[in-house]
Amino acid sequence: MALIKQARRLDLTLAVATSTSPSNAGALCHNFFAQYPAEVFDVTAAGDKVAAKKPAPDTYHLALERLRLGPVNCSAIEDPLN
């Protein structure tokens, strides 16, 4: 959470790319940040909007498209345990 807050202070553009549904992403975000995704992230790219989920990069491509940024202008932070 500190990383997200620091990124916001630096006025960085933030997106979440997830294989879950928008409603599940919203619930997780609200529980974690006490805010809805649109209040935390500029873009949410969810698994229900792409043809292929992980390990395919489709949600990342959707996030980049919605951000209007290329991959060289972005960094990804993952959360898997493996």
PDB file of N, CA and C in Angstrom:
ATOM      1  N   MET A   1       0.824  -1.184   0.000  1.00  0.00           N
ATOM      2  CA  MET A   1       0.000   0.000   0.000  1.00  0.00           C
ATOM      3  C   MET A   1       0.872   1.252   0.000  1.00  0.00           C
ATOM      4  N   ALA A   2       1.997   1.215   0.679  1.00  0.00           N
ATOM      5  CA  ALA A   2       2.898   2.367   0.701  1.00  0.00           C
ATOM      6  C   ALA A   2       3.419   2.681  -0.700  1.00  0.00           C
ATOM      7  N   LEU A   3       3.669   1.642  -1.483  1.00  0.00           N
ATOM      8  CA  LEU A   3       4.159   1.838  -2.846  1.00  0.00           C
ATOM      9  C   LEU A   3       3.123   2.568  -3.701  1.00  0.00           C
ATOM     10  N   ILE A   4       1.869   2.186  -3.566  1.00  0.00           N
ATOM     11  CA  ILE A   4       0.792   2.845  -4.320  1.00  0.00           C
ATOM     12  C   ILE A   4       0.674   4.301  -3.890  1.00  0.00           C
ATOM     13  N   LYS A   5       0.709   4.551  -2.603  1.00  0.00           N
ATOM     14  CA  LYS A   5       0.609   5.931  -2.101  1.00  0.00           C
ATOM     15  C   LYS A   5       1.779   6.782  -2.595  1.00  0.00           C
ATOM     16  N   GLN A   6       2.977   6.232  -2.578  1.00  0.00           N
ATOM     17  CA  GLN A   6       4.147   6.960  -3.061  1.00  0.00           C
ATOM     18  C   GLN A   6       4.024   7.229  -4.557  1.00  0.00           C
ATOM     19  N   ALA A   7       3.560   6.257  -5.311  1.00  0.00           N
ATOM     20  CA  ALA A   7       3.365   6.454  -6.751  1.00  0.00           C
ATOM     21  C   ALA A   7       2.363   7.565  -7.018  1.00  0.00           C
ATOM     22  N   ARG A   8       1.309   7.624  -6.238  1.00  0.00           N
ATOM     23  CA  ARG A   8       0.316   8.696  -6.382  1.00  0.00           C
ATOM     24  C   ARG A   8       0.920  10.055  -6.042  1.00  0.00           C
ATOM     25  N   ARG A   9       1.738  10.114  -4.983  1.00  0.00           N
ATOM     26  CA  ARG A   9       2.395  11.382  -4.619  1.00  0.00           C
ATOM     27  C   ARG A   9       3.306  11.867  -5.747  1.00  0.00           C
ATOM     28  N   LEU A  10       3.901  10.916  -6.466  1.00  0.00           N
ATOM     29  CA  LEU A  10       4.773  11.248  -7.593  1.00  0.00           C
ATOM     30  C   LEU A  10       3.991  11.472  -8.881  1.00  0.00           C
ATOM     31  N   ASP A  11       2.679  11.394  -8.799  1.00  0.00           N
ATOM     32  CA  ASP A  11       1.788  11.603  -9.943  1.00  0.00           C
ATOM     33  C   ASP A  11       2.037  10.605 -11.071  1.00  0.00           C
ATOM     34  N   LEU A  12       2.375   9.358 -10.687  1.00  0.00           N
ATOM     35  CA  LEU A  12       2.536   8.301 -11.679  1.00  0.00           C
ATOM     36  C   LEU A  12       1.178   7.750 -12.087  1.00  0.00           C
ATOM     37  N   THR A  13       1.085   7.301 -13.304  1.00  0.00           N
ATOM     38  CA  THR A  13      -0.122   6.653 -13.797  1.00  0.00           C
ATOM     39  C   THR A  13      -0.093   5.202 -13.353  1.00  0.00           C
ATOM     40  N   LEU A  14      -1.214   4.723 -12.813  1.00  0.00           N
ATOM     41  CA  LEU A  14      -1.281   3.362 -12.273  1.00  0.00           C
ATOM     42  C   LEU A  14      -2.397   2.569 -12.926  1.00  0.00           C
ATOM     43  N   ALA A  15      -2.115   1.299 -13.159  1.00  0.00           N
ATOM     44  CA  ALA A  15      -3.121   0.382 -13.685  1.00  0.00           C
ATOM     45  C   ALA A  15      -3.024  -0.932 -12.927  1.00  0.00           C
ATOM     46  N   VAL A  16      -4.122  -1.660 -12.926  1.00  0.00           N
ATOM     47  CA  VAL A  16      -4.115  -3.021 -12.411  1.00  0.00           C
ATOM     48  C   VAL A  16      -4.527  -3.926 -13.563  1.00  0.00           C
ATOM     49  N   ALA A  17      -3.756  -4.964 -13.779  1.00  0.00           N
ATOM     50  CA  ALA A  17      -4.065  -5.971 -14.796  1.00  0.00           C
ATOM     51  C   ALA A  17      -4.289  -7.278 -14.046  1.00  0.00           C
ATOM     52  N   THR A  18      -5.506  -7.779 -14.111  1.00  0.00           N
ATOM     53  CA  THR A  18      -5.861  -8.940 -13.307  1.00  0.00           C
ATOM     54  C   THR A  18      -6.660  -9.944 -14.122  1.00  0.00           C
ATOM     55  N   SER A  19      -6.519 -11.200 -13.777  1.00  0.00           N
ATOM     56  CA  SER A  19      -7.293 -12.229 -14.474  1.00  0.00           C
ATOM     57  C   SER A  19      -8.660 -12.427 -13.834  1.00  0.00           C
ATOM     58  N   THR A  20      -8.918 -11.783 -12.730  1.00  0.00           N
ATOM     59  CA  THR A  20     -10.199 -11.917 -12.054  1.00  0.00           C
ATOM     60  C   THR A  20     -11.252 -10.997 -12.681  1.00  0.00           C
ATOM     61  N   SER A  21     -12.456 -11.063 -12.188  1.00  0.00           N
ATOM     62  CA  SER A  21     -13.546 -10.231 -12.701  1.00  0.00           C
ATOM     63  C   SER A  21     -13.453  -8.823 -12.123  1.00  0.00           C
ATOM     64  N   PRO A  22     -14.072  -7.848 -12.793  1.00  0.00           N
ATOM     65  CA  PRO A  22     -14.074  -6.488 -12.251  1.00  0.00           C
ATOM     66  C   PRO A  22     -14.721  -6.405 -10.867  1.00  0.00           C
ATOM     67  N   SER A  23     -15.777  -7.171 -10.638  1.00  0.00           N
ATOM     68  CA  SER A  23     -16.427  -7.106  -9.331  1.00  0.00           C
ATOM     69  C   SER A  23     -15.527  -7.667  -8.232  1.00  0.00           C
ATOM     70  N   ASN A  24     -14.805  -8.746  -8.522  1.00  0.00           N
ATOM     71  CA  ASN A  24     -13.876  -9.300  -7.543  1.00  0.00           C
ATOM     72  C   ASN A  24     -12.701  -8.349  -7.326  1.00  0.00           C
ATOM     73  N   ALA A  25     -12.188  -7.766  -8.393  1.00  0.00           N
ATOM     74  CA  ALA A  25     -11.106  -6.789  -8.265  1.00  0.00           C
ATOM     75  C   ALA A  25     -11.564  -5.605  -7.427  1.00  0.00           C
ATOM     76  N   GLY A  26     -12.796  -5.188  -7.633  1.00  0.00           N
ATOM     77  CA  GLY A  26     -13.347  -4.080  -6.854  1.00  0.00           C
ATOM     78  C   GLY A  26     -13.451  -4.412  -5.378  1.00  0.00           C
ATOM     79  N   ALA A  27     -13.910  -5.608  -5.075  1.00  0.00           N
ATOM     80  CA  ALA A  27     -14.034  -6.028  -3.680  1.00  0.00           C
ATOM     81  C   ALA A  27     -12.665  -6.114  -3.018  1.00  0.00           C
ATOM     82  N   LEU A  28     -11.698  -6.684  -3.718  1.00  0.00           N
ATOM     83  CA  LEU A  28     -10.344  -6.773  -3.171  1.00  0.00           C
ATOM     84  C   LEU A  28      -9.745  -5.395  -2.942  1.00  0.00           C
ATOM     85  N   CYS A  29      -9.912  -4.524  -3.902  1.00  0.00           N
ATOM     86  CA  CYS A  29      -9.368  -3.174  -3.785  1.00  0.00           C
ATOM     87  C   CYS A  29     -10.038  -2.428  -2.625  1.00  0.00           C
ATOM     88  N   HIS A  30     -11.347  -2.563  -2.517  1.00  0.00           N
ATOM     89  CA  HIS A  30     -12.058  -1.880  -1.437  1.00  0.00           C
ATOM     90  C   HIS A  30     -11.631  -2.412  -0.076  1.00  0.00           C
ATOM     91  N   ASN A  31     -11.443  -3.710   0.030  1.00  0.00           N
ATOM     92  CA  ASN A  31     -10.994  -4.287   1.299  1.00  0.00           C
ATOM     93  C   ASN A  31      -9.562  -3.883   1.639  1.00  0.00           C
ATOM     94  N   PHE A  32      -8.712  -3.782   0.636  1.00  0.00           N
ATOM     95  CA  PHE A  32      -7.303  -3.482   0.879  1.00  0.00           C
ATOM     96  C   PHE A  32      -7.054  -1.983   1.073  1.00  0.00           C
ATOM     97  N   PHE A  33      -7.659  -1.162   0.211  1.00  0.00           N
ATOM     98  CA  PHE A  33      -7.407   0.275   0.233  1.00  0.00           C
ATOM     99  C   PHE A  33      -8.548   1.089   0.836  1.00  0.00           C
ATOM    100  N   ALA A  34      -9.690   0.454   1.098  1.00  0.00           N
ATOM    101  CA  ALA A  34     -10.903   1.155   1.526  1.00  0.00           C
ATOM    102  C   ALA A  34     -11.334   2.165   0.461  1.00  0.00           C
ATOM    103  N   GLN A  35     -11.026   1.818  -0.786  1.00  0.00           N
ATOM    104  CA  GLN A  35     -11.414   2.623  -1.940  1.00  0.00           C
ATOM    105  C   GLN A  35     -11.742   1.673  -3.086  1.00  0.00           C
ATOM    106  N   TYR A  36     -12.458   2.194  -4.056  1.00  0.00           N
ATOM    107  CA  TYR A  36     -12.764   1.394  -5.235  1.00  0.00           C
ATOM    108  C   TYR A  36     -11.643   1.549  -6.259  1.00  0.00           C
ATOM    109  N   PRO A  37     -11.513   0.601  -7.187  1.00  0.00           N
ATOM    110  CA  PRO A  37     -10.398   0.640  -8.134  1.00  0.00           C
ATOM    111  C   PRO A  37     -10.229   1.979  -8.856  1.00  0.00           C
ATOM    112  N   ALA A  38     -11.312   2.599  -9.270  1.00  0.00           N
ATOM    113  CA  ALA A  38     -11.214   3.870  -9.997  1.00  0.00           C
ATOM    114  C   ALA A  38     -10.650   4.992  -9.134  1.00  0.00           C
ATOM    115  N   GLU A  39     -10.698   4.827  -7.820  1.00  0.00           N
ATOM    116  CA  GLU A  39     -10.132   5.825  -6.911  1.00  0.00           C
ATOM    117  C   GLU A  39      -8.640   5.588  -6.665  1.00  0.00           C
ATOM    118  N   VAL A  40      -8.164   4.402  -6.987  1.00  0.00           N
ATOM    119  CA  VAL A  40      -6.772   4.031  -6.748  1.00  0.00           C
ATOM    120  C   VAL A  40      -5.987   3.964  -8.058  1.00  0.00           C
ATOM    121  N   PHE A  41      -6.602   3.385  -9.075  1.00  0.00           N
ATOM    122  CA  PHE A  41      -5.930   3.133 -10.341  1.00  0.00           C
ATOM    123  C   PHE A  41      -6.560   3.948 -11.465  1.00  0.00           C
ATOM    124  N   ASP A  42      -5.740   4.346 -12.420  1.00  0.00           N
ATOM    125  CA  ASP A  42      -6.246   5.062 -13.595  1.00  0.00           C
ATOM    126  C   ASP A  42      -6.971   4.120 -14.537  1.00  0.00           C
ATOM    127  N   VAL A  43      -6.547   2.863 -14.544  1.00  0.00           N
ATOM    128  CA  VAL A  43      -7.105   1.853 -15.440  1.00  0.00           C
ATOM    129  C   VAL A  43      -7.178   0.521 -14.709  1.00  0.00           C
ATOM    130  N   THR A  44      -8.276  -0.189 -14.943  1.00  0.00           N
ATOM    131  CA  THR A  44      -8.380  -1.581 -14.503  1.00  0.00           C
ATOM    132  C   THR A  44      -8.606  -2.431 -15.737  1.00  0.00           C
ATOM    133  N   ALA A  45      -7.736  -3.389 -15.955  1.00  0.00           N
ATOM    134  CA  ALA A  45      -7.869  -4.343 -17.061  1.00  0.00           C
ATOM    135  C   ALA A  45      -8.163  -5.701 -16.430  1.00  0.00           C
ATOM    136  N   ALA A  46      -9.379  -6.187 -16.623  1.00  0.00           N
ATOM    137  CA  ALA A  46      -9.815  -7.421 -15.965  1.00  0.00           C
ATOM    138  C   ALA A  46      -9.937  -8.572 -16.956  1.00  0.00           C
ATOM    139  N   GLY A  47      -9.889  -9.762 -16.406  1.00  0.00           N
ATOM    140  CA  GLY A  47      -9.884 -10.981 -17.201  1.00  0.00           C
ATOM    141  C   GLY A  47     -11.111 -11.210 -18.049  1.00  0.00           C
ATOM    142  N   ASP A  48     -12.235 -10.594 -17.698  1.00  0.00           N
ATOM    143  CA  ASP A  48     -13.447 -10.805 -18.491  1.00  0.00           C
ATOM    144  C   ASP A  48     -13.446 -10.015 -19.796  1.00  0.00           C
ATOM    145  N   LYS A  49     -12.457  -9.160 -19.993  1.00  0.00           N
ATOM    146  CA  LYS A  49     -12.388  -8.317 -21.187  1.00  0.00           C
ATOM    147  C   LYS A  49     -11.336  -8.784 -22.191  1.00  0.00           C
ATOM    148  N   VAL A  50     -10.712  -9.929 -21.927  1.00  0.00           N
ATOM    149  CA  VAL A  50      -9.655 -10.414 -22.812  1.00  0.00           C
ATOM    150  C   VAL A  50      -9.958 -11.840 -23.275  1.00  0.00           C
ATOM    151  N   ALA A  51      -9.335 -12.213 -24.372  1.00  0.00           N
ATOM    152  CA  ALA A  51      -9.554 -13.548 -24.927  1.00  0.00           C
ATOM    153  C   ALA A  51      -8.854 -14.631 -24.112  1.00  0.00           C
ATOM    154  N   ALA A  52      -7.661 -14.338 -23.636  1.00  0.00           N
ATOM    155  CA  ALA A  52      -6.879 -15.347 -22.907  1.00  0.00           C
ATOM    156  C   ALA A  52      -6.379 -14.765 -21.591  1.00  0.00           C
ATOM    157  N   LYS A  53      -6.508 -15.557 -20.550  1.00  0.00           N
ATOM    158  CA  LYS A  53      -6.027 -15.142 -19.227  1.00  0.00           C
ATOM    159  C   LYS A  53      -4.617 -15.655 -19.014  1.00  0.00           C
ATOM    160  N   LYS A  54      -4.064 -15.398 -17.826  1.00  0.00           N
ATOM    161  CA  LYS A  54      -2.710 -15.851 -17.496  1.00  0.00           C
ATOM    162  C   LYS A  54      -2.525 -17.305 -17.887  1.00  0.00           C
ATOM    163  N   PRO A  55      -1.386 -17.623 -18.400  1.00  0.00           N
ATOM    164  CA  PRO A  55      -0.155 -16.836 -18.479  1.00  0.00           C
ATOM    165  C   PRO A  55      -0.066 -15.941 -19.714  1.00  0.00           C
ATOM    166  N   ALA A  56      -1.124 -15.873 -20.515  1.00  0.00           N
ATOM    167  CA  ALA A  56      -1.120 -14.984 -21.681  1.00  0.00           C
ATOM    168  C   ALA A  56      -1.022 -13.527 -21.214  1.00  0.00           C
ATOM    169  N   PRO A  57      -0.409 -12.666 -22.010  1.00  0.00           N
ATOM    170  CA  PRO A  57      -0.224 -11.266 -21.611  1.00  0.00           C
ATOM    171  C   PRO A  57      -1.407 -10.353 -21.940  1.00  0.00           C
ATOM    172  N   ASP A  58      -2.549 -10.928 -22.265  1.00  0.00           N
ATOM    173  CA  ASP A  58      -3.674 -10.129 -22.766  1.00  0.00           C
ATOM    174  C   ASP A  58      -4.121  -9.011 -21.823  1.00  0.00           C
ATOM    175  N   THR A  59      -4.164  -9.268 -20.519  1.00  0.00           N
ATOM    176  CA  THR A  59      -4.604  -8.201 -19.600  1.00  0.00           C
ATOM    177  C   THR A  59      -3.578  -7.063 -19.569  1.00  0.00           C
ATOM    178  N   TYR A  60      -2.302  -7.403 -19.701  1.00  0.00           N
ATOM    179  CA  TYR A  60      -1.289  -6.348 -19.779  1.00  0.00           C
ATOM    180  C   TYR A  60      -1.473  -5.523 -21.051  1.00  0.00           C
ATOM    181  N   HIS A  61      -1.708  -6.184 -22.153  1.00  0.00           N
ATOM    182  CA  HIS A  61      -1.919  -5.465 -23.414  1.00  0.00           C
ATOM    183  C   HIS A  61      -3.133  -4.546 -23.318  1.00  0.00           C
ATOM    184  N   LEU A  62      -4.198  -5.034 -22.696  1.00  0.00           N
ATOM    185  CA  LEU A  62      -5.398  -4.205 -22.519  1.00  0.00           C
ATOM    186  C   LEU A  62      -5.091  -2.994 -21.642  1.00  0.00           C
ATOM    187  N   ALA A  63      -4.367  -3.203 -20.563  1.00  0.00           N
ATOM    188  CA  ALA A  63      -3.998  -2.077 -19.687  1.00  0.00           C
ATOM    189  C   ALA A  63      -3.171  -1.046 -20.452  1.00  0.00           C
ATOM    190  N   LEU A  64      -2.193  -1.509 -21.225  1.00  0.00           N
ATOM    191  CA  LEU A  64      -1.368  -0.590 -22.009  1.00  0.00           C
ATOM    192  C   LEU A  64      -2.191   0.180 -23.025  1.00  0.00           C
ATOM    193  N   GLU A  65      -3.116  -0.521 -23.672  1.00  0.00           N
ATOM    194  CA  GLU A  65      -3.993   0.127 -24.650  1.00  0.00           C
ATOM    195  C   GLU A  65      -4.819   1.218 -23.980  1.00  0.00           C
ATOM    196  N   ARG A  66      -5.403   0.915 -22.838  1.00  0.00           N
ATOM    197  CA  ARG A  66      -6.235   1.887 -22.130  1.00  0.00           C
ATOM    198  C   ARG A  66      -5.413   3.048 -21.560  1.00  0.00           C
ATOM    199  N   LEU A  67      -4.177   2.780 -21.198  1.00  0.00           N
ATOM    200  CA  LEU A  67      -3.291   3.834 -20.699  1.00  0.00           C
ATOM    201  C   LEU A  67      -2.713   4.674 -21.830  1.00  0.00           C
ATOM    202  N   ARG A  68      -2.791   4.123 -23.055  1.00  0.00           N
ATOM    203  CA  ARG A  68      -2.176   4.746 -24.235  1.00  0.00           C
ATOM    204  C   ARG A  68      -0.664   4.887 -24.045  1.00  0.00           C
ATOM    205  N   LEU A  69      -0.075   3.805 -23.537  1.00  0.00           N
ATOM    206  CA  LEU A  69       1.365   3.756 -23.308  1.00  0.00           C
ATOM    207  C   LEU A  69       1.952   2.499 -23.928  1.00  0.00           C
ATOM    208  N   GLY A  70       3.210   2.575 -24.258  1.00  0.00           N
ATOM    209  CA  GLY A  70       3.912   1.402 -24.743  1.00  0.00           C
ATOM    210  C   GLY A  70       4.599   0.696 -23.594  1.00  0.00           C
ATOM    211  N   PRO A  71       4.972  -0.558 -23.787  1.00  0.00           N
ATOM    212  CA  PRO A  71       5.593  -1.321 -22.709  1.00  0.00           C
ATOM    213  C   PRO A  71       6.927  -0.746 -22.238  1.00  0.00           C
ATOM    214  N   VAL A  72       7.624  -0.017 -23.099  1.00  0.00           N
ATOM    215  CA  VAL A  72       8.913   0.556 -22.682  1.00  0.00           C
ATOM    216  C   VAL A  72       8.718   1.712 -21.699  1.00  0.00           C
ATOM    217  N   ASN A  73       7.490   2.203 -21.589  1.00  0.00           N
ATOM    218  CA  ASN A  73       7.188   3.316 -20.691  1.00  0.00           C
ATOM    219  C   ASN A  73       6.577   2.861 -19.367  1.00  0.00           C
ATOM    220  N   CYS A  74       6.570   1.552 -19.126  1.00  0.00           N
ATOM    221  CA  CYS A  74       5.866   1.019 -17.966  1.00  0.00           C
ATOM    222  C   CYS A  74       6.717  -0.001 -17.211  1.00  0.00           C
ATOM    223  N   SER A  75       6.324  -0.230 -15.988  1.00  0.00           N
ATOM    224  CA  SER A  75       6.902  -1.297 -15.168  1.00  0.00           C
ATOM    225  C   SER A  75       5.750  -2.116 -14.603  1.00  0.00           C
ATOM    226  N   ALA A  76       5.982  -3.390 -14.448  1.00  0.00           N
ATOM    227  CA  ALA A  76       4.959  -4.272 -13.873  1.00  0.00           C
ATOM    228  C   ALA A  76       5.467  -4.788 -12.523  1.00  0.00           C
ATOM    229  N   ILE A  77       4.574  -4.818 -11.582  1.00  0.00           N
ATOM    230  CA  ILE A  77       4.869  -5.388 -10.264  1.00  0.00           C
ATOM    231  C   ILE A  77       3.908  -6.537 -10.072  1.00  0.00           C
ATOM    232  N   GLU A  78       4.432  -7.718  -9.911  1.00  0.00           N
ATOM    233  CA  GLU A  78       3.632  -8.930  -9.782  1.00  0.00           C
ATOM    234  C   GLU A  78       3.434  -9.309  -8.323  1.00  0.00           C
ATOM    235  N   ASP A  79       2.419 -10.127  -8.076  1.00  0.00           N
ATOM    236  CA  ASP A  79       2.163 -10.573  -6.699  1.00  0.00           C
ATOM    237  C   ASP A  79       2.140 -12.081  -6.491  1.00  0.00           C
ATOM    238  N   PRO A  80       2.472 -12.907  -7.491  1.00  0.00           N
ATOM    239  CA  PRO A  80       2.389 -14.352  -7.253  1.00  0.00           C
ATOM    240  C   PRO A  80       3.459 -14.839  -6.277  1.00  0.00           C
ATOM    241  N   LEU A  81       3.104 -15.859  -5.538  1.00  0.00           N
ATOM    242  CA  LEU A  81       4.049 -16.428  -4.598  1.00  0.00           C
ATOM    243  C   LEU A  81       5.134 -17.239  -5.301  1.00  0.00           C
ATOM    244  N   ASN A  82       4.796 -17.826  -6.456  1.00  0.00           N
ATOM    245  CA  ASN A  82       5.795 -18.640  -7.157  1.00  0.00           C
ATOM    246  C   ASN A  82       6.719 -17.770  -7.952  1.00  0.00           C
TER     247      ASN A  82
END
